[in-house]
Amino acid sequence: MRYIAAYLLLHSAGSKSITADDIKNVISSVGIEVDEARAAEVVEAFKGKSVETLIAEGATKLASVPSGGAAAAGGAAAPAAGADAPAAAAAEPEPEEESDDDMGFGLFD
């Protein structure tokens, strides 16, 4: 994933012909060891393709992937007809405060 992220970062910066060395420079700039074969593989996979088109195609594929929520629970989150709405609202847990902690994960880990 870090190789694709580096490629997209270079693309968004305006680079038109991205090489494996460009990807290597981005990843190694944050102190991470680079697998040059993977960097070359990403460059080869993107060769002759529009990044915008690939993103649009990927978005349509992701739309069909279940991602949880009420549909995954079989609609159990929806109150039954005639149910007491205030009681259902009181049963919902309060949202947790957001944290700036990245839980030890980084973009290039």
PDB file of N, CA and C in Angstrom:
ATOM      1  N   MET A   1       0.821  -1.188   0.000  1.00  0.00           N
ATOM      2  CA  MET A   1       0.000   0.000   0.000  1.00  0.00           C
ATOM      3  C   MET A   1       0.869   1.258   0.000  1.00  0.00           C
ATOM      4  N   ARG A   2       1.997   1.199   0.666  1.00  0.00           N
ATOM      5  CA  ARG A   2       2.852   2.385   0.731  1.00  0.00           C
ATOM      6  C   ARG A   2       3.381   2.765  -0.640  1.00  0.00           C
ATOM      7  N   TYR A   3       3.557   1.798  -1.510  1.00  0.00           N
ATOM      8  CA  TYR A   3       4.076   2.071  -2.846  1.00  0.00           C
ATOM      9  C   TYR A   3       3.020   2.784  -3.688  1.00  0.00           C
ATOM     10  N   ILE A   4       1.782   2.356  -3.556  1.00  0.00           N
ATOM     11  CA  ILE A   4       0.685   3.015  -4.266  1.00  0.00           C
ATOM     12  C   ILE A   4       0.485   4.423  -3.704  1.00  0.00           C
ATOM     13  N   ALA A   5       0.561   4.557  -2.392  1.00  0.00           N
ATOM     14  CA  ALA A   5       0.412   5.876  -1.770  1.00  0.00           C
ATOM     15  C   ALA A   5       1.511   6.822  -2.247  1.00  0.00           C
ATOM     16  N   ALA A   6       2.730   6.331  -2.346  1.00  0.00           N
ATOM     17  CA  ALA A   6       3.835   7.164  -2.832  1.00  0.00           C
ATOM     18  C   ALA A   6       3.599   7.555  -4.291  1.00  0.00           C
ATOM     19  N   TYR A   7       3.115   6.608  -5.102  1.00  0.00           N
ATOM     20  CA  TYR A   7       2.824   6.896  -6.505  1.00  0.00           C
ATOM     21  C   TYR A   7       1.759   7.987  -6.607  1.00  0.00           C
ATOM     22  N   LEU A   8       0.685   7.838  -5.830  1.00  0.00           N
ATOM     23  CA  LEU A   8      -0.394   8.823  -5.875  1.00  0.00           C
ATOM     24  C   LEU A   8       0.063  10.180  -5.354  1.00  0.00           C
ATOM     25  N   LEU A   9       0.930  10.185  -4.369  1.00  0.00           N
ATOM     26  CA  LEU A   9       1.486  11.435  -3.854  1.00  0.00           C
ATOM     27  C   LEU A   9       2.292  12.143  -4.940  1.00  0.00           C
ATOM     28  N   LEU A  10       3.120  11.389  -5.634  1.00  0.00           N
ATOM     29  CA  LEU A  10       3.912  11.962  -6.727  1.00  0.00           C
ATOM     30  C   LEU A  10       3.003  12.466  -7.850  1.00  0.00           C
ATOM     31  N   HIS A  11       1.964  11.693  -8.144  1.00  0.00           N
ATOM     32  CA  HIS A  11       1.021  12.096  -9.194  1.00  0.00           C
ATOM     33  C   HIS A  11       0.312  13.396  -8.818  1.00  0.00           C
ATOM     34  N   SER A  12      -0.135  13.485  -7.566  1.00  0.00           N
ATOM     35  CA  SER A  12      -0.845  14.691  -7.134  1.00  0.00           C
ATOM     36  C   SER A  12       0.078  15.905  -7.078  1.00  0.00           C
ATOM     37  N   ALA A  13       1.379  15.657  -6.967  1.00  0.00           N
ATOM     38  CA  ALA A  13       2.355  16.753  -6.972  1.00  0.00           C
ATOM     39  C   ALA A  13       2.656  17.229  -8.392  1.00  0.00           C
ATOM     40  N   GLY A  14       2.108  16.526  -9.386  1.00  0.00           N
ATOM     41  CA  GLY A  14       2.272  16.976 -10.762  1.00  0.00           C
ATOM     42  C   GLY A  14       3.272  16.189 -11.583  1.00  0.00           C
ATOM     43  N   SER A  15       3.848  15.138 -11.019  1.00  0.00           N
ATOM     44  CA  SER A  15       4.798  14.328 -11.779  1.00  0.00           C
ATOM     45  C   SER A  15       4.046  13.594 -12.887  1.00  0.00           C
ATOM     46  N   LYS A  16       4.583  13.663 -14.102  1.00  0.00           N
ATOM     47  CA  LYS A  16       3.912  13.022 -15.234  1.00  0.00           C
ATOM     48  C   LYS A  16       4.479  11.639 -15.537  1.00  0.00           C
ATOM     49  N   SER A  17       5.778  11.450 -15.402  1.00  0.00           N
ATOM     50  CA  SER A  17       6.377  10.128 -15.663  1.00  0.00           C
ATOM     51  C   SER A  17       7.097   9.675 -14.393  1.00  0.00           C
ATOM     52  N   ILE A  18       6.385   8.895 -13.605  1.00  0.00           N
ATOM     53  CA  ILE A  18       6.888   8.452 -12.311  1.00  0.00           C
ATOM     54  C   ILE A  18       7.665   7.154 -12.492  1.00  0.00           C
ATOM     55  N   THR A  19       8.832   7.101 -11.878  1.00  0.00           N
ATOM     56  CA  THR A  19       9.692   5.920 -11.966  1.00  0.00           C
ATOM     57  C   THR A  19       9.767   5.226 -10.611  1.00  0.00           C
ATOM     58  N   ALA A  20      10.317   4.029 -10.622  1.00  0.00           N
ATOM     59  CA  ALA A  20      10.521   3.286  -9.374  1.00  0.00           C
ATOM     60  C   ALA A  20      11.467   4.047  -8.455  1.00  0.00           C
ATOM     61  N   ASP A  21      12.439   4.745  -9.031  1.00  0.00           N
ATOM     62  CA  ASP A  21      13.366   5.547  -8.219  1.00  0.00           C
ATOM     63  C   ASP A  21      12.644   6.695  -7.522  1.00  0.00           C
ATOM     64  N   ASP A  22      11.655   7.285  -8.202  1.00  0.00           N
ATOM     65  CA  ASP A  22      10.867   8.349  -7.572  1.00  0.00           C
ATOM     66  C   ASP A  22      10.125   7.811  -6.350  1.00  0.00           C
ATOM     67  N   ILE A  23       9.508   6.643  -6.509  1.00  0.00           N
ATOM     68  CA  ILE A  23       8.788   6.015  -5.394  1.00  0.00           C
ATOM     69  C   ILE A  23       9.763   5.682  -4.272  1.00  0.00           C
ATOM     70  N   LYS A  24      10.929   5.157  -4.648  1.00  0.00           N
ATOM     71  CA  LYS A  24      11.956   4.815  -3.652  1.00  0.00           C
ATOM     72  C   LYS A  24      12.368   6.058  -2.862  1.00  0.00           C
ATOM     73  N   ASN A  25      12.525   7.183  -3.543  1.00  0.00           N
ATOM     74  CA  ASN A  25      12.929   8.416  -2.864  1.00  0.00           C
ATOM     75  C   ASN A  25      11.869   8.886  -1.865  1.00  0.00           C
ATOM     76  N   VAL A  26      10.602   8.771  -2.227  1.00  0.00           N
ATOM     77  CA  VAL A  26       9.529   9.202  -1.329  1.00  0.00           C
ATOM     78  C   VAL A  26       9.498   8.325  -0.084  1.00  0.00           C
ATOM     79  N   ILE A  27       9.515   7.022  -0.286  1.00  0.00           N
ATOM     80  CA  ILE A  27       9.404   6.100   0.851  1.00  0.00           C
ATOM     81  C   ILE A  27      10.637   6.158   1.743  1.00  0.00           C
ATOM     82  N   SER A  28      11.805   6.193   1.135  1.00  0.00           N
ATOM     83  CA  SER A  28      13.035   6.221   1.938  1.00  0.00           C
ATOM     84  C   SER A  28      13.219   7.556   2.651  1.00  0.00           C
ATOM     85  N   SER A  29      12.535   8.608   2.179  1.00  0.00           N
ATOM     86  CA  SER A  29      12.669   9.917   2.826  1.00  0.00           C
ATOM     87  C   SER A  29      12.090   9.917   4.237  1.00  0.00           C
ATOM     88  N   VAL A  30      11.227   8.937   4.545  1.00  0.00           N
ATOM     89  CA  VAL A  30      10.674   8.847   5.894  1.00  0.00           C
ATOM     90  C   VAL A  30      11.309   7.707   6.678  1.00  0.00           C
ATOM     91  N   GLY A  31      12.427   7.194   6.167  1.00  0.00           N
ATOM     92  CA  GLY A  31      13.196   6.204   6.902  1.00  0.00           C
ATOM     93  C   GLY A  31      12.715   4.778   6.797  1.00  0.00           C
ATOM     94  N   ILE A  32      11.990   4.447   5.752  1.00  0.00           N
ATOM     95  CA  ILE A  32      11.486   3.090   5.590  1.00  0.00           C
ATOM     96  C   ILE A  32      12.253   2.396   4.480  1.00  0.00           C
ATOM     97  N   GLU A  33      12.565   1.144   4.726  1.00  0.00           N
ATOM     98  CA  GLU A  33      13.279   0.332   3.750  1.00  0.00           C
ATOM     99  C   GLU A  33      12.378   0.077   2.542  1.00  0.00           C
ATOM    100  N   VAL A  34      12.955   0.129   1.351  1.00  0.00           N
ATOM    101  CA  VAL A  34      12.176   0.014   0.121  1.00  0.00           C
ATOM    102  C   VAL A  34      12.478  -1.304  -0.580  1.00  0.00           C
ATOM    103  N   ASP A  35      11.420  -1.977  -1.015  1.00  0.00           N
ATOM    104  CA  ASP A  35      11.538  -3.160  -1.853  1.00  0.00           C
ATOM    105  C   ASP A  35      11.442  -2.656  -3.293  1.00  0.00           C
ATOM    106  N   GLU A  36      12.574  -2.607  -3.976  1.00  0.00           N
ATOM    107  CA  GLU A  36      12.621  -2.018  -5.312  1.00  0.00           C
ATOM    108  C   GLU A  36      11.766  -2.791  -6.311  1.00  0.00           C
ATOM    109  N   ALA A  37      11.601  -4.092  -6.109  1.00  0.00           N
ATOM    110  CA  ALA A  37      10.772  -4.887  -7.010  1.00  0.00           C
ATOM    111  C   ALA A  37       9.303  -4.456  -6.897  1.00  0.00           C
ATOM    112  N   ARG A  38       8.859  -4.175  -5.699  1.00  0.00           N
ATOM    113  CA  ARG A  38       7.473  -3.721  -5.524  1.00  0.00           C
ATOM    114  C   ARG A  38       7.264  -2.342  -6.120  1.00  0.00           C
ATOM    115  N   ALA A  39       8.244  -1.461  -5.967  1.00  0.00           N
ATOM    116  CA  ALA A  39       8.141  -0.126  -6.558  1.00  0.00           C
ATOM    117  C   ALA A  39       8.046  -0.235  -8.076  1.00  0.00           C
ATOM    118  N   ALA A  40       8.855  -1.104  -8.663  1.00  0.00           N
ATOM    119  CA  ALA A  40       8.817  -1.307 -10.110  1.00  0.00           C
ATOM    120  C   ALA A  40       7.494  -1.925 -10.538  1.00  0.00           C
ATOM    121  N   GLU A  41       6.955  -2.812  -9.710  1.00  0.00           N
ATOM    122  CA  GLU A  41       5.671  -3.455 -10.001  1.00  0.00           C
ATOM    123  C   GLU A  41       4.539  -2.429 -10.049  1.00  0.00           C
ATOM    124  N   VAL A  42       4.548  -1.470  -9.119  1.00  0.00           N
ATOM    125  CA  VAL A  42       3.520  -0.429  -9.099  1.00  0.00           C
ATOM    126  C   VAL A  42       3.636   0.444 -10.343  1.00  0.00           C
ATOM    127  N   VAL A  43       4.851   0.826 -10.696  1.00  0.00           N
ATOM    128  CA  VAL A  43       5.057   1.658 -11.888  1.00  0.00           C
ATOM    129  C   VAL A  43       4.551   0.921 -13.125  1.00  0.00           C
ATOM    130  N   GLU A  44       4.848  -0.360 -13.217  1.00  0.00           N
ATOM    131  CA  GLU A  44       4.407  -1.165 -14.360  1.00  0.00           C
ATOM    132  C   GLU A  44       2.885  -1.287 -14.391  1.00  0.00           C
ATOM    133  N   ALA A  45       2.262  -1.457 -13.241  1.00  0.00           N
ATOM    134  CA  ALA A  45       0.805  -1.599 -13.177  1.00  0.00           C
ATOM    135  C   ALA A  45       0.093  -0.316 -13.598  1.00  0.00           C
ATOM    136  N   PHE A  46       0.696   0.835 -13.309  1.00  0.00           N
ATOM    137  CA  PHE A  46       0.081   2.118 -13.648  1.00  0.00           C
ATOM    138  C   PHE A  46       0.437   2.587 -15.058  1.00  0.00           C
ATOM    139  N   LYS A  47       1.378   1.925 -15.700  1.00  0.00           N
ATOM    140  CA  LYS A  47       1.867   2.362 -17.007  1.00  0.00           C
ATOM    141  C   LYS A  47       0.728   2.399 -18.032  1.00  0.00           C
ATOM    142  N   GLY A  48       0.577   3.563 -18.677  1.00  0.00           N
ATOM    143  CA  GLY A  48      -0.422   3.726 -19.720  1.00  0.00           C
ATOM    144  C   GLY A  48      -1.844   3.870 -19.219  1.00  0.00           C
ATOM    145  N   LYS A  49      -2.029   4.025 -17.916  1.00  0.00           N
ATOM    146  CA  LYS A  49      -3.375   4.130 -17.349  1.00  0.00           C
ATOM    147  C   LYS A  49      -3.537   5.482 -16.675  1.00  0.00           C
ATOM    148  N   SER A  50      -4.733   5.984 -16.703  1.00  0.00           N
ATOM    149  CA  SER A  50      -5.058   7.245 -16.059  1.00  0.00           C
ATOM    150  C   SER A  50      -5.377   6.982 -14.590  1.00  0.00           C
ATOM    151  N   VAL A  51      -4.719   7.690 -13.697  1.00  0.00           N
ATOM    152  CA  VAL A  51      -4.961   7.523 -12.257  1.00  0.00           C
ATOM    153  C   VAL A  51      -6.411   7.868 -11.929  1.00  0.00           C
ATOM    154  N   GLU A  52      -6.924   8.913 -12.545  1.00  0.00           N
ATOM    155  CA  GLU A  52      -8.299   9.325 -12.280  1.00  0.00           C
ATOM    156  C   GLU A  52      -9.287   8.230 -12.693  1.00  0.00           C
ATOM    157  N   THR A  53      -9.035   7.591 -13.835  1.00  0.00           N
ATOM    158  CA  THR A  53      -9.904   6.512 -14.292  1.00  0.00           C
ATOM    159  C   THR A  53      -9.827   5.315 -13.347  1.00  0.00           C
ATOM    160  N   LEU A  54      -8.625   4.972 -12.910  1.00  0.00           N
ATOM    161  CA  LEU A  54      -8.461   3.851 -11.981  1.00  0.00           C
ATOM    162  C   LEU A  54      -9.174   4.113 -10.659  1.00  0.00           C
ATOM    163  N   ILE A  55      -9.116   5.341 -10.174  1.00  0.00           N
ATOM    164  CA  ILE A  55      -9.794   5.689  -8.931  1.00  0.00           C
ATOM    165  C   ILE A  55     -11.303   5.588  -9.110  1.00  0.00           C
ATOM    166  N   ALA A  56     -11.814   6.077 -10.229  1.00  0.00           N
ATOM    167  CA  ALA A  56     -13.251   6.003 -10.497  1.00  0.00           C
ATOM    168  C   ALA A  56     -13.714   4.545 -10.599  1.00  0.00           C
ATOM    169  N   GLU A  57     -12.936   3.698 -11.281  1.00  0.00           N
ATOM    170  CA  GLU A  57     -13.280   2.280 -11.382  1.00  0.00           C
ATOM    171  C   GLU A  57     -13.253   1.613 -10.007  1.00  0.00           C
ATOM    172  N   GLY A  58     -12.263   1.943  -9.207  1.00  0.00           N
ATOM    173  CA  GLY A  58     -12.161   1.377  -7.866  1.00  0.00           C
ATOM    174  C   GLY A  58     -13.311   1.800  -6.977  1.00  0.00           C
ATOM    175  N   ALA A  59     -13.759   3.047  -7.127  1.00  0.00           N
ATOM    176  CA  ALA A  59     -14.871   3.543  -6.315  1.00  0.00           C
ATOM    177  C   ALA A  59     -16.156   2.774  -6.623  1.00  0.00           C
ATOM    178  N   THR A  60     -16.373   2.450  -7.888  1.00  0.00           N
ATOM    179  CA  THR A  60     -17.579   1.693  -8.229  1.00  0.00           C
ATOM    180  C   THR A  60     -17.493   0.271  -7.684  1.00  0.00           C
ATOM    181  N   LYS A  61     -16.287  -0.297  -7.655  1.00  0.00           N
ATOM    182  CA  LYS A  61     -16.127  -1.640  -7.087  1.00  0.00           C
ATOM    183  C   LYS A  61     -16.337  -1.624  -5.581  1.00  0.00           C
ATOM    184  N   LEU A  62     -15.860  -0.587  -4.916  1.00  0.00           N
ATOM    185  CA  LEU A  62     -16.022  -0.485  -3.464  1.00  0.00           C
ATOM    186  C   LEU A  62     -17.475  -0.278  -3.067  1.00  0.00           C
ATOM    187  N   ALA A  63     -18.264   0.309  -3.949  1.00  0.00           N
ATOM    188  CA  ALA A  63     -19.669   0.546  -3.637  1.00  0.00           C
ATOM    189  C   ALA A  63     -20.426  -0.763  -3.425  1.00  0.00           C
ATOM    190  N   SER A  64     -19.951  -1.844  -4.014  1.00  0.00           N
ATOM    191  CA  SER A  64     -20.639  -3.124  -3.879  1.00  0.00           C
ATOM    192  C   SER A  64     -20.132  -3.956  -2.702  1.00  0.00           C
ATOM    193  N   VAL A  65     -19.143  -3.449  -1.979  1.00  0.00           N
ATOM    194  CA  VAL A  65     -18.581  -4.173  -0.843  1.00  0.00           C
ATOM    195  C   VAL A  65     -19.356  -3.821   0.426  1.00  0.00           C
ATOM    196  N   PRO A  66     -19.900  -4.820   1.142  1.00  0.00           N
ATOM    197  CA  PRO A  66     -20.607  -4.517   2.386  1.00  0.00           C
ATOM    198  C   PRO A  66     -19.637  -3.935   3.417  1.00  0.00           C
ATOM    199  N   SER A  67     -20.095  -2.908   4.104  1.00  0.00           N
ATOM    200  CA  SER A  67     -19.213  -2.264   5.069  1.00  0.00           C
ATOM    201  C   SER A  67     -19.839  -2.131   6.444  1.00  0.00           C
ATOM    202  N   GLY A  68     -20.790  -2.981   6.746  1.00  0.00           N
ATOM    203  CA  GLY A  68     -21.375  -2.968   8.086  1.00  0.00           C
ATOM    204  C   GLY A  68     -22.572  -2.058   8.177  1.00  0.00           C
ATOM    205  N   GLY A  69     -22.894  -1.629   9.363  1.00  0.00           N
ATOM    206  CA  GLY A  69     -24.043  -0.762   9.567  1.00  0.00           C
ATOM    207  C   GLY A  69     -25.314  -1.563   9.767  1.00  0.00           C
ATOM    208  N   ALA A  70     -26.449  -0.913   9.614  1.00  0.00           N
ATOM    209  CA  ALA A  70     -27.749  -1.535   9.859  1.00  0.00           C
ATOM    210  C   ALA A  70     -28.018  -2.672   8.889  1.00  0.00           C
ATOM    211  N   ALA A  71     -27.564  -2.538   7.644  1.00  0.00           N
ATOM    212  CA  ALA A  71     -27.815  -3.590   6.662  1.00  0.00           C
ATOM    213  C   ALA A  71     -27.102  -4.885   7.053  1.00  0.00           C
ATOM    214  N   ALA A  72     -25.927  -4.774   7.632  1.00  0.00           N
ATOM    215  CA  ALA A  72     -25.171  -5.962   8.031  1.00  0.00           C
ATOM    216  C   ALA A  72     -25.828  -6.661   9.218  1.00  0.00           C
ATOM    217  N   ALA A  73     -26.544  -5.901  10.033  1.00  0.00           N
ATOM    218  CA  ALA A  73     -27.198  -6.481  11.196  1.00  0.00           C
ATOM    219  C   ALA A  73     -28.607  -6.967  10.867  1.00  0.00           C
ATOM    220  N   GLY A  74     -28.929  -7.007   9.580  1.00  0.00           N
ATOM    221  CA  GLY A  74     -30.247  -7.466   9.183  1.00  0.00           C
ATOM    222  C   GLY A  74     -31.332  -6.460   9.490  1.00  0.00           C
ATOM    223  N   GLY A  75     -30.968  -5.191   9.603  1.00  0.00           N
ATOM    224  CA  GLY A  75     -31.955  -4.158   9.882  1.00  0.00           C
ATOM    225  C   GLY A  75     -32.347  -4.096  11.336  1.00  0.00           C
ATOM    226  N   ALA A  76     -31.646  -4.768  12.201  1.00  0.00           N
ATOM    227  CA  ALA A  76     -32.013  -4.818  13.615  1.00  0.00           C
ATOM    228  C   ALA A  76     -31.894  -3.459  14.289  1.00  0.00           C
ATOM    229  N   ALA A  77     -31.122  -2.538  13.700  1.00  0.00           N
ATOM    230  CA  ALA A  77     -30.956  -1.234  14.314  1.00  0.00           C
ATOM    231  C   ALA A  77     -32.189  -0.364  14.146  1.00  0.00           C
ATOM    232  N   ALA A  78     -33.062  -0.683  13.197  1.00  0.00           N
ATOM    233  CA  ALA A  78     -34.274   0.110  12.982  1.00  0.00           C
ATOM    234  C   ALA A  78     -35.302  -0.267  14.045  1.00  0.00           C
ATOM    235  N   PRO A  79     -35.952   0.727  14.655  1.00  0.00           N
ATOM    236  CA  PRO A  79     -36.956   0.411  15.675  1.00  0.00           C
ATOM    237  C   PRO A  79     -38.183  -0.239  15.049  1.00  0.00           C
ATOM    238  N   ALA A  80     -38.834  -1.103  15.793  1.00  0.00           N
ATOM    239  CA  ALA A  80     -40.042  -1.777  15.315  1.00  0.00           C
ATOM    240  C   ALA A  80     -41.177  -0.770  15.232  1.00  0.00           C
ATOM    241  N   ALA A  81     -42.172  -1.048  14.401  1.00  0.00           N
ATOM    242  CA  ALA A  81     -43.313  -0.152  14.236  1.00  0.00           C
ATOM    243  C   ALA A  81     -44.015   0.004  15.584  1.00  0.00           C
ATOM    244  N   GLY A  82     -44.266   1.249  15.957  1.00  0.00           N
ATOM    245  CA  GLY A  82     -44.959   1.513  17.202  1.00  0.00           C
ATOM    246  C   GLY A  82     -44.046   1.510  18.419  1.00  0.00           C
ATOM    247  N   ALA A  83     -42.768   1.312  18.216  1.00  0.00           N
ATOM    248  CA  ALA A  83     -41.839   1.292  19.357  1.00  0.00           C
ATOM    249  C   ALA A  83     -41.669   2.692  19.899  1.00  0.00           C
ATOM    250  N   ASP A  84     -41.300   2.770  21.151  1.00  0.00           N
ATOM    251  CA  ASP A  84     -41.118   4.054  21.804  1.00  0.00           C
ATOM    252  C   ASP A  84     -39.789   4.663  21.353  1.00  0.00           C
ATOM    253  N   ALA A  85     -39.820   5.686  20.514  1.00  0.00           N
ATOM    254  CA  ALA A  85     -38.624   6.301  19.949  1.00  0.00           C
ATOM    255  C   ALA A  85     -37.704   6.893  21.022  1.00  0.00           C
ATOM    256  N   PRO A  86     -38.227   7.620  22.039  1.00  0.00           N
ATOM    257  CA  PRO A  86     -37.325   8.154  23.063  1.00  0.00           C
ATOM    258  C   PRO A  86     -36.585   7.057  23.822  1.00  0.00           C
ATOM    259  N   ALA A  87     -37.220   5.925  24.046  1.00  0.00           N
ATOM    260  CA  ALA A  87     -36.546   4.845  24.752  1.00  0.00           C
ATOM    261  C   ALA A  87     -35.412   4.288  23.913  1.00  0.00           C
ATOM    262  N   ALA A  88     -35.622   4.209  22.604  1.00  0.00           N
ATOM    263  CA  ALA A  88     -34.571   3.714  21.713  1.00  0.00           C
ATOM    264  C   ALA A  88     -33.413   4.694  21.684  1.00  0.00           C
ATOM    265  N   ALA A  89     -33.708   5.989  21.689  1.00  0.00           N
ATOM    266  CA  ALA A  89     -32.658   7.001  21.665  1.00  0.00           C
ATOM    267  C   ALA A  89     -31.856   6.974  22.962  1.00  0.00           C
ATOM    268  N   ALA A  90     -32.518   6.693  24.083  1.00  0.00           N
ATOM    269  CA  ALA A  90     -31.826   6.660  25.363  1.00  0.00           C
ATOM    270  C   ALA A  90     -30.900   5.454  25.460  1.00  0.00           C
ATOM    271  N   ALA A  91     -31.198   4.405  24.714  1.00  0.00           N
ATOM    272  CA  ALA A  91     -30.388   3.199  24.772  1.00  0.00           C
ATOM    273  C   ALA A  91     -29.091   3.331  23.971  1.00  0.00           C
ATOM    274  N   GLU A  92     -29.005   4.323  23.088  1.00  0.00           N
ATOM    275  CA  GLU A  92     -27.796   4.498  22.278  1.00  0.00           C
ATOM    276  C   GLU A  92     -26.656   5.002  23.156  1.00  0.00           C
ATOM    277  N   PRO A  93     -25.478   4.425  23.007  1.00  0.00           N
ATOM    278  CA  PRO A  93     -24.339   4.896  23.789  1.00  0.00           C
ATOM    279  C   PRO A  93     -23.869   6.257  23.297  1.00  0.00           C
ATOM    280  N   GLU A  94     -23.298   7.008  24.218  1.00  0.00           N
ATOM    281  CA  GLU A  94     -22.769   8.313  23.837  1.00  0.00           C
ATOM    282  C   GLU A  94     -21.507   8.124  23.014  1.00  0.00           C
ATOM    283  N   PRO A  95     -21.281   8.978  21.999  1.00  0.00           N
ATOM    284  CA  PRO A  95     -20.075   8.836  21.179  1.00  0.00           C
ATOM    285  C   PRO A  95     -18.819   9.122  22.004  1.00  0.00           C
ATOM    286  N   GLU A  96     -17.775   8.379  21.715  1.00  0.00           N
ATOM    287  CA  GLU A  96     -16.511   8.587  22.416  1.00  0.00           C
ATOM    288  C   GLU A  96     -15.819   9.818  21.864  1.00  0.00           C
ATOM    289  N   GLU A  97     -15.009  10.439  22.706  1.00  0.00           N
ATOM    290  CA  GLU A  97     -14.259  11.595  22.243  1.00  0.00           C
ATOM    291  C   GLU A  97     -13.200  11.143  21.249  1.00  0.00           C
ATOM    292  N   GLU A  98     -12.989  11.965  20.211  1.00  0.00           N
ATOM    293  CA  GLU A  98     -11.972  11.634  19.224  1.00  0.00           C
ATOM    294  C   GLU A  98     -10.593  11.933  19.794  1.00  0.00           C
ATOM    295  N   SER A  99      -9.649  11.137  19.370  1.00  0.00           N
ATOM    296  CA  SER A  99      -8.288  11.288  19.847  1.00  0.00           C
ATOM    297  C   SER A  99      -7.369  11.601  18.684  1.00  0.00           C
ATOM    298  N   ASP A 100      -6.332  12.375  18.947  1.00  0.00           N
ATOM    299  CA  ASP A 100      -5.338  12.669  17.917  1.00  0.00           C
ATOM    300  C   ASP A 100      -4.310  11.549  17.810  1.00  0.00           C
ATOM    301  N   ASP A 101      -4.413  10.554  18.663  1.00  0.00           N
ATOM    302  CA  ASP A 101      -3.475   9.436  18.659  1.00  0.00           C
ATOM    303  C   ASP A 101      -3.691   8.598  17.412  1.00  0.00           C
ATOM    304  N   ASP A 102      -2.609   8.283  16.689  1.00  0.00           N
ATOM    305  CA  ASP A 102      -2.746   7.509  15.454  1.00  0.00           C
ATOM    306  C   ASP A 102      -2.644   6.017  15.713  1.00  0.00           C
ATOM    307  N   MET A 103      -2.679   5.608  16.954  1.00  0.00           N
ATOM    308  CA  MET A 103      -2.667   4.211  17.365  1.00  0.00           C
ATOM    309  C   MET A 103      -1.430   3.470  16.860  1.00  0.00           C
ATOM    310  N   GLY A 104      -0.358   4.185  16.593  1.00  0.00           N
ATOM    311  CA  GLY A 104       0.874   3.542  16.186  1.00  0.00           C
ATOM    312  C   GLY A 104       0.957   3.230  14.712  1.00  0.00           C
ATOM    313  N   PHE A 105      -0.033   3.630  13.933  1.00  0.00           N
ATOM    314  CA  PHE A 105      -0.006   3.365  12.497  1.00  0.00           C
ATOM    315  C   PHE A 105       0.357   4.644  11.763  1.00  0.00           C
ATOM    316  N   GLY A 106       1.080   4.500  10.691  1.00  0.00           N
ATOM    317  CA  GLY A 106       1.415   5.636   9.856  1.00  0.00           C
ATOM    318  C   GLY A 106       1.201   5.302   8.397  1.00  0.00           C
ATOM    319  N   LEU A 107       1.208   6.281   7.563  1.00  0.00           N
ATOM    320  CA  LEU A 107       0.963   6.093   6.142  1.00  0.00           C
ATOM    321  C   LEU A 107       1.980   5.166   5.517  1.00  0.00           C
ATOM    322  N   PHE A 108       3.224   5.201   5.978  1.00  0.00           N
ATOM    323  CA  PHE A 108       4.275   4.408   5.347  1.00  0.00           C
ATOM    324  C   PHE A 108       4.774   3.285   6.238  1.00  0.00           C
ATOM    325  N   ASP A 109       4.012   2.880   7.234  1.00  0.00           N
ATOM    326  CA  ASP A 109       4.425   1.765   8.104  1.00  0.00           C
ATOM    327  C   ASP A 109       4.214   0.448   7.408  1.00  0.00           C
TER     328      ASP A 109
END
